[in-house]
Amino acid sequence: MTACRPAPSFHFAYVTNFNDDTISVIDTRTKKVAATIKTGRGPFEIAVTPDRKFAYVVNKNENTAQVISRKTNKIIRTIRVGKAPSDVGTSRNFVYVTNSADRTVSVICIKKQKVVATIKVGKNPVGVTVTPNKCALRAIGFVSNHDSNTISIFDVKKNKVIDTIKAGVGPDQIAFTMNGKLAYVTTDKNVVLVIGVRSRRILKKIKVGRKPIGVAITPDNKFAYVANEGDNTVSVIKLRNNKVIATVPVGSKPGIAAITQDSRFAYVANFGENTVSVIRIRDNKVIKTIKVGNAASGLAIIPI
């Protein structure tokens, strides 16, 4: 889900507010809310497309995805997807929406802005991520099937599942390294799995905080930031040795993390207190807490 050519500055962080059907748009230069976008019912997750033009939000309570123009920060289309959409990811040409209640992924063509395929996966798919476009490997996607304890691997060109692998207990969110060789997957057992993309094997298990949900890798490929909902912390993993080097206290029930394009700041959505914590990466300190809408559930800054 990473842009395939040099990206411009992304100055907006989009935060989905599940309980009040809005998105808070934070200007990352001022670290203040610059706009509020009204959405459908239950906006849960959001992603930015690699062409830099759009953001897609999934509304869990009405089974839709909505297209936001990043130029105007306005919704320009609503698309019907499967039941209880829970996550959204992008590739060069497609947007992928996991439908947690019907074991499917809806494939939306970015150009046509409509569903063009449906992929059958495992039970309760809650996460979807695609290998970065700029990496040399063939583009593939990972879908975490939380209740099947598996990951469905699909071919991005054919939009078909090519393999299913075991992924601990309760796999949730997924992040790839920038070269597309490793995937980091949060699980219910308070560990992050490091999976080899080519070997499709678990290479390492990293102990983090309680109930890790979101994971984000810095664009400079040095660190992974893991939001631990169960103990209100963020675990910082150094990718060179896969060791936790810091634990950062944040707000209540942190769920999703996202990194700024310059790898200077990590933003963390705190579902339990309607805020976003801003972590300065050079010293792993929270430098600001930003008030957003009710139940901050999803967060996106740049294509990932």
Protein backbone atom coordinates (compact mmCIF):
# COMPACT_ATOMS: atom_id res chain seq x y z
CA MET A 1 0.00 0.00 0.00
CA THR A 2 2.99 2.31 -0.51
CA ALA A 3 3.25 4.85 -3.32
CA CYS A 4 5.37 3.62 -6.24
CA ARG A 5 6.98 6.97 -7.00
CA PRO A 6 8.24 9.82 -4.82
CA ALA A 7 5.32 11.04 -2.76
CA PRO A 8 4.49 14.66 -1.94
CA SER A 9 4.20 15.86 1.61
CA PHE A 10 1.16 14.37 3.29
CA HIS A 11 0.04 16.94 5.79
CA PHE A 12 -3.24 15.40 6.85
CA ALA A 13 -3.93 12.63 9.35
CA TYR A 14 -7.41 11.17 8.98
CA VAL A 15 -9.00 9.84 12.18
CA THR A 16 -12.27 7.87 12.08
CA ASN A 17 -14.61 8.56 14.98
CA PHE A 18 -16.78 5.47 15.28
CA ASN A 19 -19.50 6.74 17.62
CA ASP A 20 -20.25 10.10 16.04
CA ASP A 21 -19.97 9.21 12.34
CA THR A 22 -17.21 11.64 11.50
CA ILE A 23 -13.58 11.89 10.46
CA SER A 24 -11.28 14.37 12.18
CA VAL A 25 -8.69 15.78 9.76
CA ILE A 26 -5.51 16.74 11.60
CA ASP A 27 -2.94 19.04 10.00
CA THR A 28 0.32 17.34 11.01
CA ARG A 29 2.22 20.63 10.67
CA THR A 30 0.19 22.38 13.36
CA LYS A 31 -1.00 19.18 15.08
CA LYS A 32 -4.51 20.60 15.25
CA VAL A 33 -7.85 19.45 13.84
CA ALA A 34 -8.31 21.37 10.60
CA ALA A 35 -11.62 19.90 9.40
CA THR A 36 -14.36 17.43 10.26
CA ILE A 37 -15.95 15.20 7.60
CA LYS A 38 -19.41 13.68 8.08
CA THR A 39 -19.51 9.98 7.10
CA GLY A 40 -21.85 7.03 7.08
CA ARG A 41 -22.70 5.09 10.24
CA GLY A 42 -19.81 3.66 12.22
CA PRO A 43 -16.65 4.74 10.38
CA PHE A 44 -14.08 2.22 11.52
CA GLU A 45 -10.91 2.27 9.41
CA ILE A 46 -9.40 4.43 6.68
CA ALA A 47 -6.59 4.23 4.09
CA VAL A 48 -4.96 6.54 1.54
CA THR A 49 -4.60 5.36 -2.06
CA PRO A 50 -1.14 5.19 -3.69
CA ASP A 51 -2.18 7.67 -6.41
CA ARG A 52 -2.44 10.21 -3.55
CA LYS A 53 -5.84 11.41 -4.68
CA PHE A 54 -8.25 9.63 -2.36
CA ALA A 55 -8.88 8.24 1.09
CA TYR A 56 -11.29 5.33 1.60
CA VAL A 57 -13.24 4.95 4.84
CA VAL A 58 -15.28 1.86 5.77
CA ASN A 59 -18.52 2.29 7.71
CA LYS A 60 -19.07 -0.81 9.82
CA ASN A 61 -22.68 -0.12 10.80
CA GLU A 62 -24.03 0.38 7.28
CA ASN A 63 -21.83 -1.91 5.13
CA THR A 64 -20.36 0.79 2.94
CA ALA A 65 -17.06 2.29 1.86
CA GLN A 66 -16.84 5.99 1.08
CA VAL A 67 -14.39 7.80 -1.20
CA ILE A 68 -12.90 11.06 0.04
CA SER A 69 -11.21 13.51 -2.30
CA ARG A 70 -7.97 14.49 -0.58
CA LYS A 71 -7.98 17.76 -2.51
CA THR A 72 -11.25 18.94 -1.00
CA ASN A 73 -11.67 16.61 2.01
CA LYS A 74 -15.20 15.85 0.80
CA ILE A 75 -16.94 12.50 0.24
CA ILE A 76 -17.52 11.97 -3.47
CA ARG A 77 -18.93 8.41 -3.58
CA THR A 78 -20.50 5.73 -1.40
CA ILE A 79 -19.97 2.08 -2.34
CA ARG A 80 -21.85 -0.93 -0.98
CA VAL A 81 -19.53 -3.68 0.34
CA GLY A 82 -19.99 -6.81 2.50
CA LYS A 83 -21.27 -7.18 6.05
CA ALA A 84 -19.50 -5.37 8.91
CA PRO A 85 -16.49 -3.97 7.02
CA SER A 86 -13.59 -3.74 9.46
CA ASP A 87 -10.43 -2.76 7.59
CA VAL A 88 -9.29 -1.24 4.31
CA GLY A 89 -6.03 -1.55 2.37
CA THR A 90 -4.83 -0.44 -1.04
CA SER A 91 -2.65 -1.52 -3.95
CA ARG A 92 -1.76 0.40 -7.10
CA ASN A 93 -5.13 -0.30 -8.75
CA PHE A 94 -7.44 -1.63 -6.06
CA VAL A 95 -8.87 -0.99 -2.60
CA TYR A 96 -9.49 -4.04 -0.38
CA VAL A 97 -12.19 -4.08 2.30
CA THR A 98 -12.39 -6.91 4.84
CA ASN A 99 -15.99 -7.84 5.68
CA SER A 100 -15.77 -9.38 9.12
CA ALA A 101 -19.29 -10.83 9.25
CA ASP A 102 -19.31 -12.71 5.93
CA ARG A 103 -15.71 -13.97 5.53
CA THR A 104 -14.99 -11.97 2.40
CA VAL A 105 -12.88 -9.15 1.00
CA SER A 106 -14.54 -6.66 -1.36
CA VAL A 107 -12.20 -5.54 -4.16
CA ILE A 108 -12.85 -1.98 -5.35
CA CYS A 109 -11.29 -0.69 -8.59
CA ILE A 110 -9.78 2.72 -7.83
CA LYS A 111 -10.39 3.97 -11.38
CA LYS A 112 -14.03 2.83 -11.56
CA GLN A 113 -14.78 3.34 -7.86
CA LYS A 114 -16.91 0.22 -7.70
CA VAL A 115 -16.63 -3.38 -6.44
CA VAL A 116 -15.21 -5.61 -9.18
CA ALA A 117 -14.52 -8.83 -7.24
CA THR A 118 -15.14 -10.60 -3.95
CA ILE A 119 -12.49 -12.82 -2.33
CA LYS A 120 -13.49 -15.60 0.08
CA VAL A 121 -11.22 -15.77 3.15
CA GLY A 122 -11.39 -17.11 6.72
CA LYS A 123 -13.52 -16.37 9.79
CA ASN A 124 -13.76 -12.78 10.97
CA PRO A 125 -11.24 -11.09 8.64
CA VAL A 126 -10.12 -7.96 10.49
CA GLY A 127 -6.95 -6.78 8.75
CA VAL A 128 -5.70 -6.41 5.18
CA THR A 129 -2.41 -5.06 3.86
CA VAL A 130 -0.60 -5.31 0.50
CA THR A 131 3.17 -5.43 -0.04
CA PRO A 132 4.62 -2.04 -1.03
CA ASN A 133 4.45 -1.26 -4.74
CA LYS A 134 8.06 -0.14 -4.88
CA CYS A 135 9.46 -3.46 -3.67
CA ALA A 136 10.86 -5.92 -6.20
CA LEU A 137 8.71 -8.86 -5.12
CA ARG A 138 5.42 -9.77 -6.77
CA ALA A 139 2.64 -7.83 -5.08
CA ILE A 140 0.60 -9.95 -2.70
CA GLY A 141 -1.89 -9.19 0.04
CA PHE A 142 -2.27 -10.57 3.56
CA VAL A 143 -5.68 -10.88 5.25
CA SER A 144 -5.76 -11.68 8.95
CA ASN A 145 -8.60 -14.08 9.81
CA HIS A 146 -8.98 -13.45 13.54
CA ASP A 147 -11.25 -16.36 14.41
CA SER A 148 -9.57 -18.87 12.08
CA ASN A 149 -6.09 -18.05 13.45
CA THR A 150 -4.85 -17.82 9.87
CA ILE A 151 -3.69 -15.41 7.20
CA SER A 152 -5.10 -15.64 3.68
CA ILE A 153 -2.51 -14.67 1.06
CA PHE A 154 -3.89 -13.37 -2.22
CA ASP A 155 -2.44 -12.47 -5.61
CA VAL A 156 -3.02 -8.77 -6.26
CA LYS A 157 -3.20 -9.12 -10.07
CA LYS A 158 -5.68 -11.99 -10.04
CA ASN A 159 -7.41 -11.10 -6.75
CA LYS A 160 -7.45 -14.76 -5.74
CA VAL A 161 -6.25 -16.54 -2.60
CA ILE A 162 -3.03 -18.46 -3.31
CA ASP A 163 -2.24 -19.75 0.18
CA THR A 164 -3.45 -19.85 3.78
CA ILE A 165 -1.00 -19.99 6.67
CA LYS A 166 -1.26 -20.35 10.44
CA ALA A 167 -0.74 -17.11 12.36
CA GLY A 168 -0.83 -17.72 16.10
CA VAL A 169 -3.98 -16.93 18.07
CA GLY A 170 -6.21 -14.08 16.97
CA PRO A 171 -4.14 -12.32 14.28
CA ASP A 172 -5.21 -8.70 13.87
CA GLN A 173 -3.34 -5.93 12.06
CA ILE A 174 -0.48 -6.35 9.57
CA ALA A 175 2.42 -4.17 8.40
CA PHE A 176 5.08 -4.95 5.80
CA THR A 177 8.66 -3.76 5.77
CA MET A 178 9.41 -1.36 2.93
CA ASN A 179 11.19 -4.06 0.91
CA GLY A 180 8.19 -6.35 1.25
CA LYS A 181 10.24 -9.21 2.70
CA LEU A 182 8.73 -9.34 6.20
CA ALA A 183 5.26 -8.95 7.67
CA TYR A 184 4.62 -7.92 11.28
CA VAL A 185 1.32 -9.22 12.65
CA THR A 186 -0.28 -8.44 16.02
CA THR A 187 -2.02 -11.30 17.86
CA ASP A 188 -4.20 -11.91 20.91
CA LYS A 189 -1.35 -13.63 22.79
CA ASN A 190 0.46 -10.31 23.35
CA VAL A 191 3.05 -11.08 20.71
CA VAL A 192 3.89 -9.71 17.28
CA LEU A 193 4.67 -12.36 14.70
CA VAL A 194 7.43 -11.74 12.16
CA ILE A 195 6.53 -13.68 9.02
CA GLY A 196 8.77 -14.23 6.00
CA VAL A 197 6.80 -13.23 2.93
CA ARG A 198 8.59 -15.68 0.61
CA SER A 199 8.89 -18.55 3.05
CA ARG A 200 5.43 -17.90 4.53
CA ARG A 201 6.75 -19.01 7.89
CA ILE A 202 6.83 -17.44 11.33
CA LEU A 203 10.45 -16.36 11.85
CA LYS A 204 10.14 -14.72 15.27
CA LYS A 205 7.69 -13.91 18.05
CA ILE A 206 8.16 -10.57 19.82
CA LYS A 207 6.59 -10.01 23.22
CA VAL A 208 4.82 -6.66 23.45
CA GLY A 209 2.12 -5.12 25.68
CA ARG A 210 -1.36 -6.44 26.42
CA LYS A 211 -3.82 -6.88 23.57
CA PRO A 212 -1.81 -5.38 20.70
CA ILE A 213 -3.97 -4.14 17.84
CA GLY A 214 -2.35 -1.74 15.39
CA VAL A 215 1.17 -1.92 13.97
CA ALA A 216 2.92 0.64 11.76
CA ILE A 217 6.42 0.64 10.28
CA THR A 218 8.34 3.86 9.79
CA PRO A 219 9.01 4.80 6.14
CA ASP A 220 12.76 4.74 6.87
CA ASN A 221 12.29 1.04 7.76
CA LYS A 222 13.90 1.35 11.21
CA PHE A 223 11.06 0.82 13.68
CA ALA A 224 7.65 -0.72 14.19
CA TYR A 225 5.13 0.96 16.48
CA VAL A 226 2.60 -1.37 18.14
CA ALA A 227 -0.50 0.00 19.88
CA ASN A 228 -1.40 -2.10 22.93
CA GLU A 229 -5.08 -1.59 23.73
CA GLY A 230 -4.95 -3.65 26.92
CA ASP A 231 -2.40 -1.57 28.85
CA ASN A 232 -2.54 1.85 27.16
CA THR A 233 0.98 1.72 25.75
CA VAL A 234 2.89 1.63 22.49
CA SER A 235 5.74 -0.86 22.08
CA VAL A 236 8.59 0.32 19.86
CA ILE A 237 10.40 -2.45 18.01
CA LYS A 238 13.81 -1.91 16.43
CA LEU A 239 13.63 -3.80 13.13
CA ARG A 240 17.36 -4.48 12.85
CA ASN A 241 17.24 -6.91 15.77
CA ASN A 242 13.48 -7.27 16.39
CA LYS A 243 13.81 -6.09 20.00
CA VAL A 244 11.44 -3.83 21.93
CA ILE A 245 13.50 -0.74 22.75
CA ALA A 246 10.83 1.44 24.36
CA THR A 247 7.35 1.32 25.87
CA VAL A 248 5.45 4.60 25.57
CA PRO A 249 2.39 5.37 27.75
CA VAL A 250 -0.42 6.89 25.66
CA GLY A 251 -4.18 7.38 26.04
CA SER A 252 -6.95 4.92 26.86
CA LYS A 253 -7.37 1.89 24.56
CA PRO A 254 -4.91 2.78 21.79
CA GLY A 255 -5.89 0.90 18.65
CA ILE A 256 -4.28 2.08 15.42
CA ALA A 257 -0.93 3.76 14.76
CA ALA A 258 0.32 5.65 11.71
CA ILE A 259 3.64 7.30 10.88
CA THR A 260 4.35 10.61 9.18
CA GLN A 261 6.11 10.55 5.84
CA ASP A 262 9.35 11.94 7.29
CA SER A 263 9.50 9.21 10.00
CA ARG A 264 9.57 11.88 12.71
CA PHE A 265 6.24 11.26 14.43
CA ALA A 266 3.91 8.38 15.25
CA TYR A 267 0.22 9.14 15.66
CA VAL A 268 -1.89 6.80 17.81
CA ALA A 269 -5.70 6.75 17.94
CA ASN A 270 -6.99 6.29 21.50
CA PHE A 271 -10.41 4.66 21.18
CA GLY A 272 -11.20 4.90 24.87
CA GLU A 273 -10.75 8.65 25.37
CA ASN A 274 -11.40 10.31 21.99
CA THR A 275 -7.85 11.52 21.47
CA VAL A 276 -4.76 11.03 19.31
CA SER A 277 -1.33 10.82 20.94
CA VAL A 278 1.60 12.23 18.97
CA ILE A 279 4.90 10.46 19.69
CA ARG A 280 8.19 12.07 18.71
CA ILE A 281 10.19 9.19 17.27
CA ARG A 282 13.70 10.44 18.05
CA ASP A 283 13.13 10.14 21.81
CA ASN A 284 9.80 8.24 21.97
CA LYS A 285 8.02 10.88 24.00
CA VAL A 286 4.40 11.98 23.67
CA ILE A 287 4.62 15.64 22.73
CA LYS A 288 0.93 16.35 22.18
CA THR A 289 -2.51 14.87 22.77
CA ILE A 290 -5.12 15.99 20.25
CA LYS A 291 -8.85 15.92 21.01
CA VAL A 292 -10.87 14.31 18.20
CA GLY A 293 -14.35 12.79 17.88
CA ASN A 294 -16.08 10.04 19.84
CA ALA A 295 -14.28 6.64 19.79
CA ALA A 296 -11.23 7.23 17.58
CA SER A 297 -10.97 3.86 15.83
CA GLY A 298 -8.93 4.29 12.65
CA LEU A 299 -6.05 6.42 11.45
CA ALA A 300 -4.21 7.04 8.18
CA ILE A 301 -1.59 9.55 7.07
CA ILE A 302 0.30 8.19 4.07
CA PRO A 303 -0.21 5.17 1.80
CA ILE A 304 1.23 2.09 3.56
